[in-house]
Amino acid sequence: MAAKKQSKRNGTKLPQRYKMHVKKGDTVQVIAGRDKGKVGEILRTIPQESRVIVKGINIKTKHVKPQQEGESGQIVTVEAPIHSSNVMLYSTQQKIASRICYTLNDEGRKVRMLKKTGEIID
């Protein structure tokens, strides 16, 4: 059983953060689930759960009660998170999804690159 890290101050458990292959602002294609094949931009990442929220993907409807008297309720559509393993980075120029690899650029910085196209993301 894997032990979680403990805080030095009060001994509480810290949530585990997963290393993800995608970042906020990346263009990705969904490779599994109901929205398979759709392309969207990552709005938010949740590293504690290894999940991402993609614009226009996994839309859920939420019924919101009225907050004040006299106000009417609403039906709001929101993007729900999906697991990061169900998305793949997408090249907008060549319209193809690809795995990711890491390489060094001219200044010696480590950058992300698409394997199929050789396109540098960062």
C-alpha atoms as a PDB file:
ATOM      1  CA  MET A   1       0.000   0.000   0.000  1.00  0.00           C
ATOM      2  CA  ALA A   2       1.442   3.366  -1.025  1.00  0.00           C
ATOM      3  CA  ALA A   3       1.794   5.834   1.826  1.00  0.00           C
ATOM      4  CA  LYS A   4       0.695   9.404   1.197  1.00  0.00           C
ATOM      5  CA  LYS A   5       2.996  12.283   2.078  1.00  0.00           C
ATOM      6  CA  GLN A   6       2.399  13.918   5.430  1.00  0.00           C
ATOM      7  CA  SER A   7       2.513  17.614   6.177  1.00  0.00           C
ATOM      8  CA  LYS A   8       5.367  18.647   8.490  1.00  0.00           C
ATOM      9  CA  ARG A   9       3.202  20.972  10.584  1.00  0.00           C
ATOM     10  CA  ASN A  10       0.139  19.043  11.683  1.00  0.00           C
ATOM     11  CA  GLY A  11       0.533  15.528  10.253  1.00  0.00           C
ATOM     12  CA  THR A  12      -2.425  15.793   7.860  1.00  0.00           C
ATOM     13  CA  LYS A  13      -2.409  13.844   4.603  1.00  0.00           C
ATOM     14  CA  LEU A  14      -1.597  15.785   1.429  1.00  0.00           C
ATOM     15  CA  PRO A  15      -3.374  14.860  -1.833  1.00  0.00           C
ATOM     16  CA  GLN A  16      -1.209  13.036  -4.355  1.00  0.00           C
ATOM     17  CA  ARG A  17      -0.443  14.916  -7.594  1.00  0.00           C
ATOM     18  CA  TYR A  18      -0.179  12.920 -10.819  1.00  0.00           C
ATOM     19  CA  LYS A  19       2.252  13.873 -13.595  1.00  0.00           C
ATOM     20  CA  MET A  20       0.131  14.560 -16.668  1.00  0.00           C
ATOM     21  CA  HIS A  21       1.129  14.799 -20.342  1.00  0.00           C
ATOM     22  CA  VAL A  22      -1.199  17.749 -21.005  1.00  0.00           C
ATOM     23  CA  LYS A  23      -1.375  21.339 -19.755  1.00  0.00           C
ATOM     24  CA  LYS A  24      -3.943  24.119 -19.685  1.00  0.00           C
ATOM     25  CA  GLY A  25      -4.372  25.626 -23.165  1.00  0.00           C
ATOM     26  CA  ASP A  26      -3.358  22.473 -25.093  1.00  0.00           C
ATOM     27  CA  THR A  27      -5.519  21.312 -28.010  1.00  0.00           C
ATOM     28  CA  VAL A  28      -6.507  17.679 -27.495  1.00  0.00           C
ATOM     29  CA  GLN A  29      -8.609  14.989 -29.151  1.00  0.00           C
ATOM     30  CA  VAL A  30     -10.775  12.621 -27.089  1.00  0.00           C
ATOM     31  CA  ILE A  31      -9.799   8.996 -27.792  1.00  0.00           C
ATOM     32  CA  ALA A  32     -12.318   7.136 -25.586  1.00  0.00           C
ATOM     33  CA  GLY A  33     -15.870   7.494 -24.336  1.00  0.00           C
ATOM     34  CA  ARG A  34     -19.058   9.114 -25.585  1.00  0.00           C
ATOM     35  CA  ASP A  35     -17.252  12.123 -27.111  1.00  0.00           C
ATOM     36  CA  LYS A  36     -14.621  10.042 -28.949  1.00  0.00           C
ATOM     37  CA  GLY A  37     -13.093  11.906 -31.914  1.00  0.00           C
ATOM     38  CA  LYS A  38     -14.024  15.416 -30.737  1.00  0.00           C
ATOM     39  CA  VAL A  39     -11.337  18.112 -30.515  1.00  0.00           C
ATOM     40  CA  GLY A  40     -11.195  20.862 -27.877  1.00  0.00           C
ATOM     41  CA  GLU A  41      -8.956  23.045 -25.742  1.00  0.00           C
ATOM     42  CA  ILE A  42      -8.090  22.236 -22.125  1.00  0.00           C
ATOM     43  CA  LEU A  43      -9.674  24.802 -19.809  1.00  0.00           C
ATOM     44  CA  ARG A  44      -8.447  23.376 -16.501  1.00  0.00           C
ATOM     45  CA  THR A  45      -6.353  20.502 -15.159  1.00  0.00           C
ATOM     46  CA  ILE A  46      -6.970  18.643 -11.886  1.00  0.00           C
ATOM     47  CA  PRO A  47      -3.647  16.894 -11.085  1.00  0.00           C
ATOM     48  CA  GLN A  48      -4.899  15.410  -7.771  1.00  0.00           C
ATOM     49  CA  GLU A  49      -7.385  13.263  -9.716  1.00  0.00           C
ATOM     50  CA  SER A  50      -5.461  13.130 -13.045  1.00  0.00           C
ATOM     51  CA  ARG A  51      -8.450  14.728 -14.800  1.00  0.00           C
ATOM     52  CA  VAL A  52      -8.933  17.574 -17.280  1.00  0.00           C
ATOM     53  CA  ILE A  53     -11.818  19.827 -18.327  1.00  0.00           C
ATOM     54  CA  VAL A  54     -12.023  20.258 -22.110  1.00  0.00           C
ATOM     55  CA  LYS A  55     -14.058  22.994 -23.815  1.00  0.00           C
ATOM     56  CA  GLY A  56     -17.221  21.555 -25.415  1.00  0.00           C
ATOM     57  CA  ILE A  57     -16.536  17.980 -24.243  1.00  0.00           C
ATOM     58  CA  ASN A  58     -18.512  15.890 -21.688  1.00  0.00           C
ATOM     59  CA  ILE A  59     -21.351  18.422 -21.389  1.00  0.00           C
ATOM     60  CA  LYS A  60     -23.676  17.911 -18.402  1.00  0.00           C
ATOM     61  CA  THR A  61     -26.873  19.800 -17.625  1.00  0.00           C
ATOM     62  CA  LYS A  62     -27.319  21.190 -14.138  1.00  0.00           C
ATOM     63  CA  HIS A  63     -30.633  22.425 -12.708  1.00  0.00           C
ATOM     64  CA  VAL A  64     -30.007  25.512 -10.564  1.00  0.00           C
ATOM     65  CA  LYS A  65     -32.561  26.585  -7.958  1.00  0.00           C
ATOM     66  CA  PRO A  66     -33.559  30.250  -7.740  1.00  0.00           C
ATOM     67  CA  GLN A  67     -31.416  32.170  -5.228  1.00  0.00           C
ATOM     68  CA  GLN A  68     -33.798  35.059  -4.489  1.00  0.00           C
ATOM     69  CA  GLU A  69     -37.551  35.175  -4.197  1.00  0.00           C
ATOM     70  CA  GLY A  70     -39.233  36.017  -7.488  1.00  0.00           C
ATOM     71  CA  GLU A  71     -36.263  34.750  -9.492  1.00  0.00           C
ATOM     72  CA  SER A  72     -36.772  31.730 -11.757  1.00  0.00           C
ATOM     73  CA  GLY A  73     -34.605  28.626 -11.804  1.00  0.00           C
ATOM     74  CA  GLN A  74     -32.238  27.815 -14.660  1.00  0.00           C
ATOM     75  CA  ILE A  75     -30.837  24.869 -16.572  1.00  0.00           C
ATOM     76  CA  VAL A  76     -27.092  25.405 -16.989  1.00  0.00           C
ATOM     77  CA  THR A  77     -24.744  23.337 -19.185  1.00  0.00           C
ATOM     78  CA  VAL A  78     -21.253  22.737 -17.795  1.00  0.00           C
ATOM     79  CA  GLU A  79     -18.207  20.748 -18.923  1.00  0.00           C
ATOM     80  CA  ALA A  80     -17.493  17.848 -16.582  1.00  0.00           C
ATOM     81  CA  PRO A  81     -13.934  16.541 -16.071  1.00  0.00           C
ATOM     82  CA  ILE A  82     -12.647  13.494 -17.973  1.00  0.00           C
ATOM     83  CA  HIS A  83      -9.587  11.379 -17.212  1.00  0.00           C
ATOM     84  CA  SER A  84      -6.344  12.601 -18.755  1.00  0.00           C
ATOM     85  CA  SER A  85      -5.632   9.156 -20.246  1.00  0.00           C
ATOM     86  CA  ASN A  86      -8.686   9.591 -22.498  1.00  0.00           C
ATOM     87  CA  VAL A  87      -7.227  12.601 -24.329  1.00  0.00           C
ATOM     88  CA  MET A  88      -4.361  12.833 -26.817  1.00  0.00           C
ATOM     89  CA  LEU A  89      -2.520  15.938 -27.976  1.00  0.00           C
ATOM     90  CA  TYR A  90      -3.735  17.189 -31.358  1.00  0.00           C
ATOM     91  CA  SER A  91      -1.877  19.014 -34.140  1.00  0.00           C
ATOM     92  CA  THR A  92      -4.134  21.758 -35.532  1.00  0.00           C
ATOM     93  CA  GLN A  93      -1.878  22.240 -38.587  1.00  0.00           C
ATOM     94  CA  GLN A  94      -1.816  18.625 -39.787  1.00  0.00           C
ATOM     95  CA  LYS A  95      -5.145  17.555 -38.185  1.00  0.00           C
ATOM     96  CA  ILE A  96      -3.690  14.481 -36.479  1.00  0.00           C
ATOM     97  CA  ALA A  97      -3.475  13.231 -32.877  1.00  0.00           C
ATOM     98  CA  SER A  98      -0.088  12.130 -31.591  1.00  0.00           C
ATOM     99  CA  ARG A  99       1.763  10.898 -28.538  1.00  0.00           C
ATOM    100  CA  ILE A 100       4.236  13.207 -26.864  1.00  0.00           C
ATOM    101  CA  CYS A 101       7.995  13.075 -26.427  1.00  0.00           C
ATOM    102  CA  TYR A 102      10.483  15.441 -24.864  1.00  0.00           C
ATOM    103  CA  THR A 103      13.445  17.062 -26.618  1.00  0.00           C
ATOM    104  CA  LEU A 104      15.853  19.931 -26.122  1.00  0.00           C
ATOM    105  CA  ASN A 105      15.479  23.179 -28.069  1.00  0.00           C
ATOM    106  CA  ASP A 106      18.253  25.552 -29.226  1.00  0.00           C
ATOM    107  CA  GLU A 107      18.677  27.141 -25.774  1.00  0.00           C
ATOM    108  CA  GLY A 108      18.931  23.723 -24.097  1.00  0.00           C
ATOM    109  CA  ARG A 109      15.427  23.863 -22.557  1.00  0.00           C
ATOM    110  CA  LYS A 110      13.365  20.677 -22.346  1.00  0.00           C
ATOM    111  CA  VAL A 111      10.272  21.080 -24.564  1.00  0.00           C
ATOM    112  CA  ARG A 112       7.315  18.870 -25.519  1.00  0.00           C
ATOM    113  CA  MET A 113       7.118  17.600 -29.093  1.00  0.00           C
ATOM    114  CA  LEU A 114       4.521  15.583 -31.008  1.00  0.00           C
ATOM    115  CA  LYS A 115       6.011  12.251 -32.147  1.00  0.00           C
ATOM    116  CA  LYS A 116       4.142  11.916 -35.454  1.00  0.00           C
ATOM    117  CA  THR A 117       4.616  15.460 -36.754  1.00  0.00           C
ATOM    118  CA  GLY A 118       7.741  16.693 -34.954  1.00  0.00           C
ATOM    119  CA  GLU A 119       5.798  19.844 -33.995  1.00  0.00           C
ATOM    120  CA  ILE A 120       7.060  21.560 -30.830  1.00  0.00           C
ATOM    121  CA  ILE A 121       4.237  22.497 -28.439  1.00  0.00           C
ATOM    122  CA  ASP A 122       5.951  24.657 -25.775  1.00  0.00           C
END
